[in-house]
Amino acid sequence: MIRLKFKIVLLLITLLIGMFVLTGASYAASYTYTTIDDPWGVSGTYAMSINDNGDVVGYYNDGNGYAHGFLYKGGSYTTLDDPLAVVRGTYAMGINDSGEVVGYYYDGNGYAHGFLYKGGSYTALDDPLEVGQSQGGGGTWAYGINNNEEVVGEYWGADGTGYGVITAGFLYMDGAYTTLVTPPSNYILWDVNGINDSGEVVGLYGYCPDGPCDSYDPAYGVGFPL
């Protein structure tokens, strides 16, 4: 009699597990897709980031190919244009749960500047080690922000070879910039594009198979956690 009860209980557990698996499979398949098209995005809309409130940021291209950042919140679109953006436009790339947005814009000389959009105001984010602007290009690009207002991105820095510049990842925290480096010398962090609330970051690094990286080496992009 004891064995019979055991078998019945075991059968019930098996049935429950089966129902759970089937329910989980059905749940996993029941996604809803919502198209995000900014009404001003004549040449396309690009959604880049979403926070836990469902707020989405990205950028759209107008009829002239000029980029504008946007915030999609509660079914409505708000254009985000850094007032200093002159050439190529503004790109909104990341948003945290407080609604703070980071991205980048291009000035009148075509140089990139990161920005933090907070409380209706824009603050420029320019890594002090950025040297690309003095050599005819480059700048600072901000890609991600967490709920601690820590920002990650990339900048053009000196490559140490005399050839020119190379991109490097950065972390902006408490008003200070930290360059994120990947050893050995034939690896270089191209950019860091995401950060969570624990300070863990993800991004892309380049591998130069012929020796130390410089601006002329062929580089192979590899994803990484840090």
C-alpha atoms as a PDB file:
ATOM      1  CA  MET A   1       0.000   0.000   0.000  1.00  0.00           C
ATOM      2  CA  ILE A   2       2.890   2.346   0.780  1.00  0.00           C
ATOM      3  CA  ARG A   3       4.426   1.678  -2.638  1.00  0.00           C
ATOM      4  CA  LEU A   4       1.122   2.461  -4.344  1.00  0.00           C
ATOM      5  CA  LYS A   5       0.860   5.839  -2.619  1.00  0.00           C
ATOM      6  CA  PHE A   6       4.433   6.629  -3.577  1.00  0.00           C
ATOM      7  CA  LYS A   7       3.695   5.883  -7.226  1.00  0.00           C
ATOM      8  CA  ILE A   8       0.587   8.077  -7.170  1.00  0.00           C
ATOM      9  CA  VAL A   9       2.512  10.974  -5.644  1.00  0.00           C
ATOM     10  CA  LEU A  10       5.320  10.483  -8.165  1.00  0.00           C
ATOM     11  CA  LEU A  11       2.795  10.475 -11.002  1.00  0.00           C
ATOM     12  CA  LEU A  12       1.223  13.723  -9.758  1.00  0.00           C
ATOM     13  CA  ILE A  13       4.636  15.390  -9.516  1.00  0.00           C
ATOM     14  CA  THR A  14       5.453  14.249 -13.058  1.00  0.00           C
ATOM     15  CA  LEU A  15       2.159  15.654 -14.352  1.00  0.00           C
ATOM     16  CA  LEU A  16       2.756  18.968 -12.577  1.00  0.00           C
ATOM     17  CA  ILE A  17       6.248  19.261 -14.047  1.00  0.00           C
ATOM     18  CA  GLY A  18       4.850  18.509 -17.483  1.00  0.00           C
ATOM     19  CA  MET A  19       2.188  21.194 -17.105  1.00  0.00           C
ATOM     20  CA  PHE A  20       4.822  23.669 -15.922  1.00  0.00           C
ATOM     21  CA  VAL A  21       7.051  22.957 -18.919  1.00  0.00           C
ATOM     22  CA  LEU A  22       4.159  23.289 -21.346  1.00  0.00           C
ATOM     23  CA  THR A  23       2.975  26.487 -19.674  1.00  0.00           C
ATOM     24  CA  GLY A  24       6.510  27.873 -19.766  1.00  0.00           C
ATOM     25  CA  ALA A  25       6.865  27.012 -23.457  1.00  0.00           C
ATOM     26  CA  SER A  26       3.556  28.691 -24.242  1.00  0.00           C
ATOM     27  CA  TYR A  27       4.522  31.752 -22.233  1.00  0.00           C
ATOM     28  CA  ALA A  28       7.873  32.027 -23.968  1.00  0.00           C
ATOM     29  CA  ALA A  29       6.148  32.066 -27.351  1.00  0.00           C
ATOM     30  CA  SER A  30       3.599  34.774 -26.474  1.00  0.00           C
ATOM     31  CA  TYR A  31       5.530  37.924 -27.301  1.00  0.00           C
ATOM     32  CA  THR A  32       3.989  41.130 -28.572  1.00  0.00           C
ATOM     33  CA  TYR A  33       5.897  43.281 -31.055  1.00  0.00           C
ATOM     34  CA  THR A  34       5.304  47.019 -31.211  1.00  0.00           C
ATOM     35  CA  THR A  35       6.637  49.033 -34.135  1.00  0.00           C
ATOM     36  CA  ILE A  36       8.452  52.202 -33.110  1.00  0.00           C
ATOM     37  CA  ASP A  37       8.427  54.796 -35.880  1.00  0.00           C
ATOM     38  CA  ASP A  38       8.987  58.401 -34.938  1.00  0.00           C
ATOM     39  CA  PRO A  39       6.563  60.488 -37.025  1.00  0.00           C
ATOM     40  CA  TRP A  40       9.480  62.703 -38.074  1.00  0.00           C
ATOM     41  CA  GLY A  41      11.649  59.768 -39.045  1.00  0.00           C
ATOM     42  CA  VAL A  42      11.291  60.013 -42.803  1.00  0.00           C
ATOM     43  CA  SER A  43      14.510  58.078 -43.421  1.00  0.00           C
ATOM     44  CA  GLY A  44      14.210  55.577 -40.604  1.00  0.00           C
ATOM     45  CA  THR A  45      13.872  55.158 -36.824  1.00  0.00           C
ATOM     46  CA  TYR A  46      16.426  53.291 -34.680  1.00  0.00           C
ATOM     47  CA  ALA A  47      15.547  52.168 -31.135  1.00  0.00           C
ATOM     48  CA  MET A  48      18.743  51.758 -29.086  1.00  0.00           C
ATOM     49  CA  SER A  49      17.847  51.292 -25.412  1.00  0.00           C
ATOM     50  CA  ILE A  50      14.950  50.668 -23.005  1.00  0.00           C
ATOM     51  CA  ASN A  51      14.634  51.030 -19.233  1.00  0.00           C
ATOM     52  CA  ASP A  52      12.523  49.077 -16.727  1.00  0.00           C
ATOM     53  CA  ASN A  53       9.662  51.563 -17.173  1.00  0.00           C
ATOM     54  CA  GLY A  54       9.354  50.777 -20.876  1.00  0.00           C
ATOM     55  CA  ASP A  55      10.811  54.126 -21.956  1.00  0.00           C
ATOM     56  CA  VAL A  56      12.756  53.825 -25.217  1.00  0.00           C
ATOM     57  CA  VAL A  57      15.476  56.042 -26.659  1.00  0.00           C
ATOM     58  CA  GLY A  58      17.145  56.064 -30.034  1.00  0.00           C
ATOM     59  CA  TYR A  59      17.397  58.299 -33.048  1.00  0.00           C
ATOM     60  CA  TYR A  60      15.660  58.953 -36.332  1.00  0.00           C
ATOM     61  CA  ASN A  61      16.791  60.444 -39.616  1.00  0.00           C
ATOM     62  CA  ASP A  62      14.820  63.273 -41.167  1.00  0.00           C
ATOM     63  CA  GLY A  63      14.338  63.943 -44.872  1.00  0.00           C
ATOM     64  CA  ASN A  64      17.792  65.491 -45.132  1.00  0.00           C
ATOM     65  CA  GLY A  65      19.503  62.529 -43.482  1.00  0.00           C
ATOM     66  CA  TYR A  66      20.097  64.538 -40.309  1.00  0.00           C
ATOM     67  CA  ALA A  67      19.880  62.522 -37.071  1.00  0.00           C
ATOM     68  CA  HIS A  68      17.707  63.452 -34.096  1.00  0.00           C
ATOM     69  CA  GLY A  69      17.509  61.653 -30.772  1.00  0.00           C
ATOM     70  CA  PHE A  70      14.097  60.640 -29.490  1.00  0.00           C
ATOM     71  CA  LEU A  71      12.397  59.459 -26.309  1.00  0.00           C
ATOM     72  CA  TYR A  72       9.364  57.183 -26.656  1.00  0.00           C
ATOM     73  CA  LYS A  73       7.343  57.282 -23.436  1.00  0.00           C
ATOM     74  CA  GLY A  74       3.695  56.467 -22.804  1.00  0.00           C
ATOM     75  CA  GLY A  75       2.981  56.200 -26.513  1.00  0.00           C
ATOM     76  CA  SER A  76       4.396  59.638 -27.318  1.00  0.00           C
ATOM     77  CA  TYR A  77       7.628  60.729 -29.008  1.00  0.00           C
ATOM     78  CA  THR A  78       9.854  63.562 -27.787  1.00  0.00           C
ATOM     79  CA  THR A  79      12.739  64.791 -29.942  1.00  0.00           C
ATOM     80  CA  LEU A  80      16.094  65.112 -28.176  1.00  0.00           C
ATOM     81  CA  ASP A  81      18.432  67.538 -29.946  1.00  0.00           C
ATOM     82  CA  ASP A  82      21.555  68.712 -28.167  1.00  0.00           C
ATOM     83  CA  PRO A  83      21.661  72.509 -28.741  1.00  0.00           C
ATOM     84  CA  LEU A  84      25.338  72.262 -29.736  1.00  0.00           C
ATOM     85  CA  ALA A  85      24.694  69.674 -32.456  1.00  0.00           C
ATOM     86  CA  VAL A  86      25.466  71.154 -35.875  1.00  0.00           C
ATOM     87  CA  VAL A  87      26.731  68.435 -38.212  1.00  0.00           C
ATOM     88  CA  ARG A  88      25.140  64.976 -38.537  1.00  0.00           C
ATOM     89  CA  GLY A  89      22.870  65.473 -35.519  1.00  0.00           C
ATOM     90  CA  THR A  90      22.146  63.922 -32.117  1.00  0.00           C
ATOM     91  CA  TYR A  91      22.081  60.233 -31.206  1.00  0.00           C
ATOM     92  CA  ALA A  92      20.388  59.026 -27.983  1.00  0.00           C
ATOM     93  CA  MET A  93      21.930  55.677 -27.026  1.00  0.00           C
ATOM     94  CA  GLY A  94      21.106  54.778 -23.420  1.00  0.00           C
ATOM     95  CA  ILE A  95      18.543  55.464 -20.677  1.00  0.00           C
ATOM     96  CA  ASN A  96      18.274  54.509 -17.014  1.00  0.00           C
ATOM     97  CA  ASP A  97      15.196  54.085 -14.818  1.00  0.00           C
ATOM     98  CA  SER A  98      15.323  57.751 -13.744  1.00  0.00           C
ATOM     99  CA  GLY A  99      14.945  58.839 -17.364  1.00  0.00           C
ATOM    100  CA  GLU A 100      18.520  60.122 -17.674  1.00  0.00           C
ATOM    101  CA  VAL A 101      19.722  59.744 -21.261  1.00  0.00           C
ATOM    102  CA  VAL A 102      23.211  59.511 -22.727  1.00  0.00           C
ATOM    103  CA  GLY A 103      24.369  59.681 -26.307  1.00  0.00           C
ATOM    104  CA  TYR A 104      26.506  61.840 -28.549  1.00  0.00           C
ATOM    105  CA  TYR A 105      26.315  64.693 -31.039  1.00  0.00           C
ATOM    106  CA  TYR A 106      28.575  66.251 -33.674  1.00  0.00           C
ATOM    107  CA  ASP A 107      29.642  69.883 -33.556  1.00  0.00           C
ATOM    108  CA  GLY A 108      30.274  72.276 -36.430  1.00  0.00           C
ATOM    109  CA  ASN A 109      33.691  70.757 -37.101  1.00  0.00           C
ATOM    110  CA  GLY A 110      32.332  67.225 -37.258  1.00  0.00           C
ATOM    111  CA  TYR A 111      33.791  66.189 -33.871  1.00  0.00           C
ATOM    112  CA  ALA A 112      31.808  63.931 -31.562  1.00  0.00           C
ATOM    113  CA  HIS A 113      30.873  64.853 -27.996  1.00  0.00           C
ATOM    114  CA  GLY A 114      29.116  62.636 -25.499  1.00  0.00           C
ATOM    115  CA  PHE A 115      26.185  64.092 -23.578  1.00  0.00           C
ATOM    116  CA  LEU A 116      24.082  63.433 -20.502  1.00  0.00           C
ATOM    117  CA  TYR A 117      20.464  64.598 -20.707  1.00  0.00           C
ATOM    118  CA  LYS A 118      19.036  65.105 -17.223  1.00  0.00           C
ATOM    119  CA  GLY A 119      16.162  67.220 -15.993  1.00  0.00           C
ATOM    120  CA  GLY A 120      15.746  68.864 -19.378  1.00  0.00           C
ATOM    121  CA  SER A 121      19.388  69.967 -19.626  1.00  0.00           C
ATOM    122  CA  TYR A 122      22.332  68.668 -21.652  1.00  0.00           C
ATOM    123  CA  THR A 123      25.812  68.210 -20.170  1.00  0.00           C
ATOM    124  CA  ALA A 124      28.767  67.509 -22.466  1.00  0.00           C
ATOM    125  CA  LEU A 125      30.866  64.411 -21.730  1.00  0.00           C
ATOM    126  CA  ASP A 126      34.368  64.791 -23.179  1.00  0.00           C
ATOM    127  CA  ASP A 127      37.081  62.430 -21.994  1.00  0.00           C
ATOM    128  CA  PRO A 128      40.183  64.540 -21.162  1.00  0.00           C
ATOM    129  CA  LEU A 129      42.450  61.985 -22.866  1.00  0.00           C
ATOM    130  CA  GLU A 130      40.639  62.408 -26.170  1.00  0.00           C
ATOM    131  CA  VAL A 131      43.111  63.598 -28.820  1.00  0.00           C
ATOM    132  CA  GLY A 132      41.287  62.891 -32.072  1.00  0.00           C
ATOM    133  CA  GLN A 133      39.937  66.417 -32.443  1.00  0.00           C
ATOM    134  CA  SER A 134      43.458  67.841 -32.605  1.00  0.00           C
ATOM    135  CA  GLN A 135      44.275  65.353 -35.370  1.00  0.00           C
ATOM    136  CA  GLY A 136      41.342  65.989 -37.653  1.00  0.00           C
ATOM    137  CA  GLY A 137      38.576  63.783 -36.310  1.00  0.00           C
ATOM    138  CA  GLY A 138      37.256  61.682 -33.475  1.00  0.00           C
ATOM    139  CA  GLY A 139      35.771  62.702 -30.182  1.00  0.00           C
ATOM    140  CA  THR A 140      33.878  61.076 -27.312  1.00  0.00           C
ATOM    141  CA  TRP A 141      30.834  58.823 -27.636  1.00  0.00           C
ATOM    142  CA  ALA A 142      28.574  57.880 -24.674  1.00  0.00           C
ATOM    143  CA  TYR A 143      26.627  54.635 -25.102  1.00  0.00           C
ATOM    144  CA  GLY A 144      25.243  53.383 -21.791  1.00  0.00           C
ATOM    145  CA  ILE A 145      24.157  54.560 -18.332  1.00  0.00           C
ATOM    146  CA  ASN A 146      23.055  52.660 -15.212  1.00  0.00           C
ATOM    147  CA  ASN A 147      20.868  53.683 -12.291  1.00  0.00           C
ATOM    148  CA  ASN A 148      23.911  54.995 -10.405  1.00  0.00           C
ATOM    149  CA  GLU A 149      24.515  57.531 -13.189  1.00  0.00           C
ATOM    150  CA  GLU A 150      27.687  55.724 -14.269  1.00  0.00           C
ATOM    151  CA  VAL A 151      28.305  56.217 -17.988  1.00  0.00           C
ATOM    152  CA  VAL A 152      30.327  54.140 -20.443  1.00  0.00           C
ATOM    153  CA  GLY A 153      31.436  54.743 -24.013  1.00  0.00           C
ATOM    154  CA  GLU A 154      34.551  55.323 -26.098  1.00  0.00           C
ATOM    155  CA  TYR A 155      36.955  58.087 -27.095  1.00  0.00           C
ATOM    156  CA  TRP A 156      39.795  58.566 -29.537  1.00  0.00           C
ATOM    157  CA  GLY A 157      43.059  58.455 -27.613  1.00  0.00           C
ATOM    158  CA  ALA A 158      46.764  58.401 -28.447  1.00  0.00           C
ATOM    159  CA  ASP A 159      47.905  55.017 -29.741  1.00  0.00           C
ATOM    160  CA  GLY A 160      51.422  55.336 -28.333  1.00  0.00           C
ATOM    161  CA  THR A 161      53.072  54.585 -31.678  1.00  0.00           C
ATOM    162  CA  GLY A 162      53.230  58.016 -33.275  1.00  0.00           C
ATOM    163  CA  TYR A 163      50.945  56.867 -36.094  1.00  0.00           C
ATOM    164  CA  GLY A 164      47.813  58.565 -34.876  1.00  0.00           C
ATOM    165  CA  VAL A 165      44.856  57.682 -32.664  1.00  0.00           C
ATOM    166  CA  ILE A 166      42.989  54.595 -31.577  1.00  0.00           C
ATOM    167  CA  THR A 167      39.655  54.183 -29.791  1.00  0.00           C
ATOM    168  CA  ALA A 168      39.526  53.327 -26.091  1.00  0.00           C
ATOM    169  CA  GLY A 169      36.682  52.506 -23.724  1.00  0.00           C
ATOM    170  CA  PHE A 170      35.896  54.737 -20.742  1.00  0.00           C
ATOM    171  CA  LEU A 171      33.874  54.760 -17.540  1.00  0.00           C
ATOM    172  CA  TYR A 172      32.528  58.082 -16.243  1.00  0.00           C
ATOM    173  CA  MET A 173      31.713  57.958 -12.522  1.00  0.00           C
ATOM    174  CA  ASP A 174      31.363  60.717  -9.914  1.00  0.00           C
ATOM    175  CA  GLY A 175      32.722  63.319 -12.312  1.00  0.00           C
ATOM    176  CA  ALA A 176      35.874  61.356 -13.170  1.00  0.00           C
ATOM    177  CA  TYR A 177      36.879  59.423 -16.301  1.00  0.00           C
ATOM    178  CA  THR A 178      38.600  56.033 -16.155  1.00  0.00           C
ATOM    179  CA  THR A 179      40.081  54.380 -19.244  1.00  0.00           C
ATOM    180  CA  LEU A 180      39.278  50.668 -19.442  1.00  0.00           C
ATOM    181  CA  VAL A 181      42.252  48.693 -20.726  1.00  0.00           C
ATOM    182  CA  THR A 182      42.470  45.089 -21.880  1.00  0.00           C
ATOM    183  CA  PRO A 183      45.936  43.434 -21.707  1.00  0.00           C
ATOM    184  CA  PRO A 184      48.184  42.373 -23.374  1.00  0.00           C
ATOM    185  CA  SER A 185      49.522  45.029 -25.755  1.00  0.00           C
ATOM    186  CA  ASN A 186      47.971  43.441 -28.839  1.00  0.00           C
ATOM    187  CA  TYR A 187      44.483  43.962 -27.418  1.00  0.00           C
ATOM    188  CA  ILE A 188      42.741  47.316 -27.208  1.00  0.00           C
ATOM    189  CA  LEU A 189      39.272  48.211 -25.942  1.00  0.00           C
ATOM    190  CA  TRP A 190      37.349  49.757 -28.804  1.00  0.00           C
ATOM    191  CA  ASP A 191      34.266  50.736 -26.893  1.00  0.00           C
ATOM    192  CA  VAL A 192      32.148  49.891 -23.877  1.00  0.00           C
ATOM    193  CA  ASN A 193      28.451  50.037 -24.681  1.00  0.00           C
ATOM    194  CA  GLY A 194      26.626  48.757 -21.603  1.00  0.00           C
ATOM    195  CA  ILE A 195      26.822  48.830 -17.793  1.00  0.00           C
ATOM    196  CA  ASN A 196      24.579  47.343 -15.105  1.00  0.00           C
ATOM    197  CA  ASP A 197      23.930  48.595 -11.571  1.00  0.00           C
ATOM    198  CA  SER A 198      26.736  46.397 -10.208  1.00  0.00           C
ATOM    199  CA  GLY A 199      29.240  48.208 -12.420  1.00  0.00           C
ATOM    200  CA  GLU A 200      29.778  45.257 -14.761  1.00  0.00           C
ATOM    201  CA  VAL A 201      30.333  46.412 -18.329  1.00  0.00           C
ATOM    202  CA  VAL A 202      30.191  44.871 -21.793  1.00  0.00           C
ATOM    203  CA  GLY A 203      31.613  46.023 -25.081  1.00  0.00           C
ATOM    204  CA  LEU A 204      34.032  45.306 -27.861  1.00  0.00           C
ATOM    205  CA  TYR A 205      37.804  44.946 -28.021  1.00  0.00           C
ATOM    206  CA  GLY A 206      40.161  44.652 -30.940  1.00  0.00           C
ATOM    207  CA  TYR A 207      42.800  41.978 -31.421  1.00  0.00           C
ATOM    208  CA  CYS A 208      45.831  42.844 -33.524  1.00  0.00           C
ATOM    209  CA  PRO A 209      47.470  39.538 -34.530  1.00  0.00           C
ATOM    210  CA  ASP A 210      50.738  41.078 -35.758  1.00  0.00           C
ATOM    211  CA  GLY A 211      51.746  42.691 -32.472  1.00  0.00           C
ATOM    212  CA  PRO A 212      50.855  45.821 -30.490  1.00  0.00           C
ATOM    213  CA  CYS A 213      47.760  47.609 -31.777  1.00  0.00           C
ATOM    214  CA  ASP A 214      48.141  50.849 -33.684  1.00  0.00           C
ATOM    215  CA  SER A 215      45.826  52.775 -35.964  1.00  0.00           C
ATOM    216  CA  TYR A 216      46.946  50.809 -39.023  1.00  0.00           C
ATOM    217  CA  ASP A 217      46.791  47.236 -37.731  1.00  0.00           C
ATOM    218  CA  PRO A 218      43.919  45.022 -38.860  1.00  0.00           C
ATOM    219  CA  ALA A 219      41.752  44.489 -35.805  1.00  0.00           C
ATOM    220  CA  TYR A 220      39.233  41.749 -35.130  1.00  0.00           C
ATOM    221  CA  GLY A 221      36.318  42.671 -32.915  1.00  0.00           C
ATOM    222  CA  VAL A 222      35.523  40.321 -30.040  1.00  0.00           C
ATOM    223  CA  GLY A 223      32.769  40.746 -27.462  1.00  0.00           C
ATOM    224  CA  PHE A 224      33.738  40.689 -23.776  1.00  0.00           C
ATOM    225  CA  PRO A 225      32.375  40.907 -20.248  1.00  0.00           C
ATOM    226  CA  LEU A 226      34.448  42.896 -17.758  1.00  0.00           C
END
